[in-house]
Amino acid sequence: MPKMKTKRAAAKRLTVTGTGKLMRRTPGFRHLLRSKSTSSKRRAARDKQVAPGHTPPLLRCLPFGL
């Protein structure tokens, strides 16, 4: 059997919590922050959970869980 490799693109973008959920960054928090409201910036500063329907294929990209 060949070695299982981690998809590096997924590893750089996702983290696995202790309970097995996937967390992702909120988009839109890199630039043009002056025009965004304080509340939207506050929401974007927190990480979000990946939708449950998207989780199984993404977990297959991370065979060792990070």
PDB file of N, CA and C in Angstrom:
ATOM      1  N   MET A   1       0.843  -1.189   0.000  1.00  0.00           N
ATOM      2  CA  MET A   1       0.000   0.000   0.000  1.00  0.00           C
ATOM      3  C   MET A   1       0.881   1.243   0.000  1.00  0.00           C
ATOM      4  N   PRO A   2       0.533   2.221  -0.821  1.00  0.00           N
ATOM      5  CA  PRO A   2       1.282   3.480  -0.745  1.00  0.00           C
ATOM      6  C   PRO A   2       0.883   4.263   0.511  1.00  0.00           C
ATOM      7  N   LYS A   3       1.719   5.211   0.839  1.00  0.00           N
ATOM      8  CA  LYS A   3       1.429   6.045   1.997  1.00  0.00           C
ATOM      9  C   LYS A   3       0.216   6.921   1.724  1.00  0.00           C
ATOM     10  N   MET A   4      -0.561   7.197   2.770  1.00  0.00           N
ATOM     11  CA  MET A   4      -1.651   8.161   2.654  1.00  0.00           C
ATOM     12  C   MET A   4      -1.067   9.543   2.828  1.00  0.00           C
ATOM     13  N   LYS A   5      -1.454  10.450   1.947  1.00  0.00           N
ATOM     14  CA  LYS A   5      -0.933  11.806   2.034  1.00  0.00           C
ATOM     15  C   LYS A   5      -2.045  12.755   2.417  1.00  0.00           C
ATOM     16  N   THR A   6      -1.685  13.745   3.208  1.00  0.00           N
ATOM     17  CA  THR A   6      -2.614  14.795   3.594  1.00  0.00           C
ATOM     18  C   THR A   6      -2.707  15.807   2.461  1.00  0.00           C
ATOM     19  N   LYS A   7      -3.923  16.249   2.137  1.00  0.00           N
ATOM     20  CA  LYS A   7      -4.095  17.334   1.173  1.00  0.00           C
ATOM     21  C   LYS A   7      -3.644  18.624   1.842  1.00  0.00           C
ATOM     22  N   ARG A   8      -2.531  19.167   1.390  1.00  0.00           N
ATOM     23  CA  ARG A   8      -1.937  20.309   2.067  1.00  0.00           C
ATOM     24  C   ARG A   8      -2.832  21.546   1.984  1.00  0.00           C
ATOM     25  N   ALA A   9      -3.597  21.684   0.915  1.00  0.00           N
ATOM     26  CA  ALA A   9      -4.493  22.837   0.806  1.00  0.00           C
ATOM     27  C   ALA A   9      -5.549  22.803   1.903  1.00  0.00           C
ATOM     28  N   ALA A  10      -6.068  21.619   2.196  1.00  0.00           N
ATOM     29  CA  ALA A  10      -7.059  21.491   3.267  1.00  0.00           C
ATOM     30  C   ALA A  10      -6.403  21.669   4.629  1.00  0.00           C
ATOM     31  N   ALA A  11      -5.186  21.186   4.788  1.00  0.00           N
ATOM     32  CA  ALA A  11      -4.507  21.291   6.072  1.00  0.00           C
ATOM     33  C   ALA A  11      -4.202  22.738   6.422  1.00  0.00           C
ATOM     34  N   LYS A  12      -3.955  23.566   5.418  1.00  0.00           N
ATOM     35  CA  LYS A  12      -3.657  24.970   5.681  1.00  0.00           C
ATOM     36  C   LYS A  12      -4.898  25.773   6.009  1.00  0.00           C
ATOM     37  N   ARG A  13      -6.060  25.291   5.615  1.00  0.00           N
ATOM     38  CA  ARG A  13      -7.290  26.070   5.770  1.00  0.00           C
ATOM     39  C   ARG A  13      -8.194  25.592   6.892  1.00  0.00           C
ATOM     40  N   LEU A  14      -8.027  24.372   7.345  1.00  0.00           N
ATOM     41  CA  LEU A  14      -8.954  23.784   8.306  1.00  0.00           C
ATOM     42  C   LEU A  14      -8.215  23.306   9.543  1.00  0.00           C
ATOM     43  N   THR A  15      -8.929  23.307  10.667  1.00  0.00           N
ATOM     44  CA  THR A  15      -8.420  22.687  11.878  1.00  0.00           C
ATOM     45  C   THR A  15      -9.493  21.751  12.410  1.00  0.00           C
ATOM     46  N   VAL A  16      -9.062  20.671  13.036  1.00  0.00           N
ATOM     47  CA  VAL A  16      -9.969  19.693  13.604  1.00  0.00           C
ATOM     48  C   VAL A  16     -10.002  19.909  15.117  1.00  0.00           C
ATOM     49  N   THR A  17     -11.206  20.047  15.664  1.00  0.00           N
ATOM     50  CA  THR A  17     -11.334  20.237  17.098  1.00  0.00           C
ATOM     51  C   THR A  17     -11.173  18.904  17.816  1.00  0.00           C
ATOM     52  N   GLY A  18     -11.178  18.953  19.126  1.00  0.00           N
ATOM     53  CA  GLY A  18     -11.028  17.740  19.910  1.00  0.00           C
ATOM     54  C   GLY A  18     -12.194  16.795  19.757  1.00  0.00           C
ATOM     55  N   THR A  19     -13.378  17.327  19.426  1.00  0.00           N
ATOM     56  CA  THR A  19     -14.551  16.477  19.238  1.00  0.00           C
ATOM     57  C   THR A  19     -14.736  16.052  17.790  1.00  0.00           C
ATOM     58  N   GLY A  20     -13.812  16.442  16.895  1.00  0.00           N
ATOM     59  CA  GLY A  20     -13.876  15.992  15.512  1.00  0.00           C
ATOM     60  C   GLY A  20     -14.562  16.942  14.559  1.00  0.00           C
ATOM     61  N   LYS A  21     -14.944  18.132  15.018  1.00  0.00           N
ATOM     62  CA  LYS A  21     -15.549  19.105  14.109  1.00  0.00           C
ATOM     63  C   LYS A  21     -14.458  19.829  13.340  1.00  0.00           C
ATOM     64  N   LEU A  22     -14.817  20.334  12.171  1.00  0.00           N
ATOM     65  CA  LEU A  22     -13.883  21.110  11.364  1.00  0.00           C
ATOM     66  C   LEU A  22     -14.187  22.590  11.532  1.00  0.00           C
ATOM     67  N   MET A  23     -13.139  23.375  11.735  1.00  0.00           N
ATOM     68  CA  MET A  23     -13.281  24.815  11.864  1.00  0.00           C
ATOM     69  C   MET A  23     -12.565  25.482  10.696  1.00  0.00           C
ATOM     70  N   ARG A  24     -13.132  26.591  10.244  1.00  0.00           N
ATOM     71  CA  ARG A  24     -12.566  27.329   9.118  1.00  0.00           C
ATOM     72  C   ARG A  24     -12.547  28.807   9.465  1.00  0.00           C
ATOM     73  N   ARG A  25     -11.772  29.573   8.708  1.00  0.00           N
ATOM     74  CA  ARG A  25     -11.742  31.007   8.889  1.00  0.00           C
ATOM     75  C   ARG A  25     -12.941  31.629   8.185  1.00  0.00           C
ATOM     76  N   THR A  26     -13.386  32.776   8.674  1.00  0.00           N
ATOM     77  CA  THR A  26     -14.462  33.506   8.022  1.00  0.00           C
ATOM     78  C   THR A  26     -13.877  34.303   6.860  1.00  0.00           C
ATOM     79  N   PRO A  27     -14.485  34.250   5.686  1.00  0.00           N
ATOM     80  CA  PRO A  27     -13.930  35.003   4.556  1.00  0.00           C
ATOM     81  C   PRO A  27     -14.192  36.494   4.707  1.00  0.00           C
ATOM     82  N   GLY A  28     -13.413  37.276   3.973  1.00  0.00           N
ATOM     83  CA  GLY A  28     -13.643  38.710   3.914  1.00  0.00           C
ATOM     84  C   GLY A  28     -13.026  39.496   5.042  1.00  0.00           C
ATOM     85  N   PHE A  29     -11.937  39.009   5.632  1.00  0.00           N
ATOM     86  CA  PHE A  29     -11.349  39.686   6.781  1.00  0.00           C
ATOM     87  C   PHE A  29      -9.891  40.061   6.512  1.00  0.00           C
ATOM     88  N   ARG A  30      -9.508  40.175   5.244  1.00  0.00           N
ATOM     89  CA  ARG A  30      -8.113  40.451   4.916  1.00  0.00           C
ATOM     90  C   ARG A  30      -7.864  41.914   4.559  1.00  0.00           C
ATOM     91  N   HIS A  31      -8.773  42.513   3.821  1.00  0.00           N
ATOM     92  CA  HIS A  31      -8.529  43.872   3.330  1.00  0.00           C
ATOM     93  C   HIS A  31      -9.854  44.603   3.221  1.00  0.00           C
ATOM     94  N   LEU A  32      -9.799  45.887   2.927  1.00  0.00           N
ATOM     95  CA  LEU A  32     -10.979  46.764   2.827  1.00  0.00           C
ATOM     96  C   LEU A  32     -11.780  46.752   4.129  1.00  0.00           C
ATOM     97  N   LEU A  33     -11.087  46.755   5.245  1.00  0.00           N
ATOM     98  CA  LEU A  33     -11.764  46.653   6.525  1.00  0.00           C
ATOM     99  C   LEU A  33     -12.405  47.973   6.948  1.00  0.00           C
ATOM    100  N   ARG A  34     -11.955  49.083   6.357  1.00  0.00           N
ATOM    101  CA  ARG A  34     -12.506  50.374   6.743  1.00  0.00           C
ATOM    102  C   ARG A  34     -13.975  50.489   6.363  1.00  0.00           C
ATOM    103  N   SER A  35     -14.344  49.895   5.246  1.00  0.00           N
ATOM    104  CA  SER A  35     -15.719  50.021   4.769  1.00  0.00           C
ATOM    105  C   SER A  35     -16.670  49.012   5.415  1.00  0.00           C
ATOM    106  N   LYS A  36     -16.130  48.067   6.181  1.00  0.00           N
ATOM    107  CA  LYS A  36     -16.989  47.065   6.810  1.00  0.00           C
ATOM    108  C   LYS A  36     -17.397  47.534   8.200  1.00  0.00           C
ATOM    109  N   SER A  37     -18.586  47.134   8.594  1.00  0.00           N
ATOM    110  CA  SER A  37     -19.092  47.575   9.889  1.00  0.00           C
ATOM    111  C   SER A  37     -18.351  46.863  11.023  1.00  0.00           C
ATOM    112  N   THR A  38     -18.426  47.457  12.192  1.00  0.00           N
ATOM    113  CA  THR A  38     -17.753  46.876  13.352  1.00  0.00           C
ATOM    114  C   THR A  38     -18.329  45.514  13.691  1.00  0.00           C
ATOM    115  N   SER A  39     -19.646  45.387  13.570  1.00  0.00           N
ATOM    116  CA  SER A  39     -20.259  44.101  13.920  1.00  0.00           C
ATOM    117  C   SER A  39     -19.863  43.013  12.938  1.00  0.00           C
ATOM    118  N   SER A  40     -19.760  43.336  11.647  1.00  0.00           N
ATOM    119  CA  SER A  40     -19.358  42.307  10.684  1.00  0.00           C
ATOM    120  C   SER A  40     -17.898  41.926  10.886  1.00  0.00           C
ATOM    121  N   LYS A  41     -17.053  42.887  11.257  1.00  0.00           N
ATOM    122  CA  LYS A  41     -15.655  42.559  11.540  1.00  0.00           C
ATOM    123  C   LYS A  41     -15.547  41.711  12.808  1.00  0.00           C
ATOM    124  N   ARG A  42     -16.395  41.987  13.776  1.00  0.00           N
ATOM    125  CA  ARG A  42     -16.361  41.209  15.011  1.00  0.00           C
ATOM    126  C   ARG A  42     -16.799  39.765  14.737  1.00  0.00           C
ATOM    127  N   ARG A  43     -17.839  39.606  13.900  1.00  0.00           N
ATOM    128  CA  ARG A  43     -18.260  38.253  13.535  1.00  0.00           C
ATOM    129  C   ARG A  43     -17.190  37.537  12.724  1.00  0.00           C
ATOM    130  N   ALA A  44     -16.500  38.272  11.839  1.00  0.00           N
ATOM    131  CA  ALA A  44     -15.505  37.641  10.975  1.00  0.00           C
ATOM    132  C   ALA A  44     -14.244  37.272  11.741  1.00  0.00           C
ATOM    133  N   ALA A  45     -14.026  37.870  12.903  1.00  0.00           N
ATOM    134  CA  ALA A  45     -12.824  37.555  13.663  1.00  0.00           C
ATOM    135  C   ALA A  45     -12.900  36.163  14.275  1.00  0.00           C
ATOM    136  N   ARG A  46     -14.092  35.643  14.457  1.00  0.00           N
ATOM    137  CA  ARG A  46     -14.246  34.309  15.036  1.00  0.00           C
ATOM    138  C   ARG A  46     -14.214  33.252  13.937  1.00  0.00           C
ATOM    139  N   ASP A  47     -13.751  32.082  14.293  1.00  0.00           N
ATOM    140  CA  ASP A  47     -13.762  30.972  13.352  1.00  0.00           C
ATOM    141  C   ASP A  47     -15.157  30.375  13.291  1.00  0.00           C
ATOM    142  N   LYS A  48     -15.467  29.775  12.151  1.00  0.00           N
ATOM    143  CA  LYS A  48     -16.778  29.170  11.950  1.00  0.00           C
ATOM    144  C   LYS A  48     -16.617  27.658  11.800  1.00  0.00           C
ATOM    145  N   GLN A  49     -17.698  26.956  12.066  1.00  0.00           N
ATOM    146  CA  GLN A  49     -17.707  25.508  11.874  1.00  0.00           C
ATOM    147  C   GLN A  49     -18.083  25.202  10.434  1.00  0.00           C
ATOM    148  N   VAL A  50     -17.418  24.217   9.840  1.00  0.00           N
ATOM    149  CA  VAL A  50     -17.750  23.782   8.490  1.00  0.00           C
ATOM    150  C   VAL A  50     -19.119  23.119   8.520  1.00  0.00           C
ATOM    151  N   ALA A  51     -19.902  23.345   7.491  1.00  0.00           N
ATOM    152  CA  ALA A  51     -21.245  22.781   7.426  1.00  0.00           C
ATOM    153  C   ALA A  51     -21.177  21.248   7.520  1.00  0.00           C
ATOM    154  N   PRO A  52     -22.133  20.640   8.203  1.00  0.00           N
ATOM    155  CA  PRO A  52     -22.067  19.179   8.397  1.00  0.00           C
ATOM    156  C   PRO A  52     -22.052  18.387   7.094  1.00  0.00           C
ATOM    157  N   GLY A  53     -22.712  18.874   6.064  1.00  0.00           N
ATOM    158  CA  GLY A  53     -22.713  18.156   4.794  1.00  0.00           C
ATOM    159  C   GLY A  53     -21.383  18.193   4.075  1.00  0.00           C
ATOM    160  N   HIS A  54     -20.554  19.187   4.379  1.00  0.00           N
ATOM    161  CA  HIS A  54     -19.242  19.299   3.729  1.00  0.00           C
ATOM    162  C   HIS A  54     -18.142  18.604   4.513  1.00  0.00           C
ATOM    163  N   THR A  55     -18.436  18.171   5.713  1.00  0.00           N
ATOM    164  CA  THR A  55     -17.387  17.652   6.590  1.00  0.00           C
ATOM    165  C   THR A  55     -16.801  16.307   6.148  1.00  0.00           C
ATOM    166  N   PRO A  56     -17.600  15.289   5.753  1.00  0.00           N
ATOM    167  CA  PRO A  56     -16.988  13.986   5.445  1.00  0.00           C
ATOM    168  C   PRO A  56     -15.956  14.005   4.322  1.00  0.00           C
ATOM    169  N   PRO A  57     -16.203  14.672   3.180  1.00  0.00           N
ATOM    170  CA  PRO A  57     -15.139  14.668   2.171  1.00  0.00           C
ATOM    171  C   PRO A  57     -13.901  15.441   2.601  1.00  0.00           C
ATOM    172  N   LEU A  58     -14.095  16.473   3.423  1.00  0.00           N
ATOM    173  CA  LEU A  58     -12.922  17.223   3.886  1.00  0.00           C
ATOM    174  C   LEU A  58     -12.121  16.425   4.906  1.00  0.00           C
ATOM    175  N   LEU A  59     -12.797  15.629   5.707  1.00  0.00           N
ATOM    176  CA  LEU A  59     -12.058  14.778   6.651  1.00  0.00           C
ATOM    177  C   LEU A  59     -11.263  13.701   5.930  1.00  0.00           C
ATOM    178  N   ARG A  60     -11.734  13.282   4.751  1.00  0.00           N
ATOM    179  CA  ARG A  60     -10.960  12.319   3.969  1.00  0.00           C
ATOM    180  C   ARG A  60      -9.689  12.960   3.435  1.00  0.00           C
ATOM    181  N   CYS A  61      -9.691  14.273   3.258  1.00  0.00           N
ATOM    182  CA  CYS A  61      -8.484  14.978   2.828  1.00  0.00           C
ATOM    183  C   CYS A  61      -7.463  15.082   3.948  1.00  0.00           C
ATOM    184  N   LEU A  62      -7.913  14.884   5.192  1.00  0.00           N
ATOM    185  CA  LEU A  62      -7.036  14.986   6.362  1.00  0.00           C
ATOM    186  C   LEU A  62      -7.000  13.629   7.059  1.00  0.00           C
ATOM    187  N   PRO A  63      -6.300  12.639   6.503  1.00  0.00           N
ATOM    188  CA  PRO A  63      -6.375  11.292   7.061  1.00  0.00           C
ATOM    189  C   PRO A  63      -5.779  11.180   8.453  1.00  0.00           C
ATOM    190  N   PHE A  64      -4.899  12.096   8.839  1.00  0.00           N
ATOM    191  CA  PHE A  64      -4.256  11.986  10.150  1.00  0.00           C
ATOM    192  C   PHE A  64      -4.810  13.008  11.132  1.00  0.00           C
ATOM    193  N   GLY A  65      -5.800  13.769  10.714  1.00  0.00           N
ATOM    194  CA  GLY A  65      -6.527  14.632  11.619  1.00  0.00           C
ATOM    195  C   GLY A  65      -5.867  15.932  11.992  1.00  0.00           C
ATOM    196  N   LEU A  66      -4.638  16.129  11.673  1.00  0.00           N
ATOM    197  CA  LEU A  66      -3.866  17.312  12.054  1.00  0.00           C
ATOM    198  C   LEU A  66      -3.639  17.305  13.524  1.00  0.00           C
TER     199      LEU A  66
END
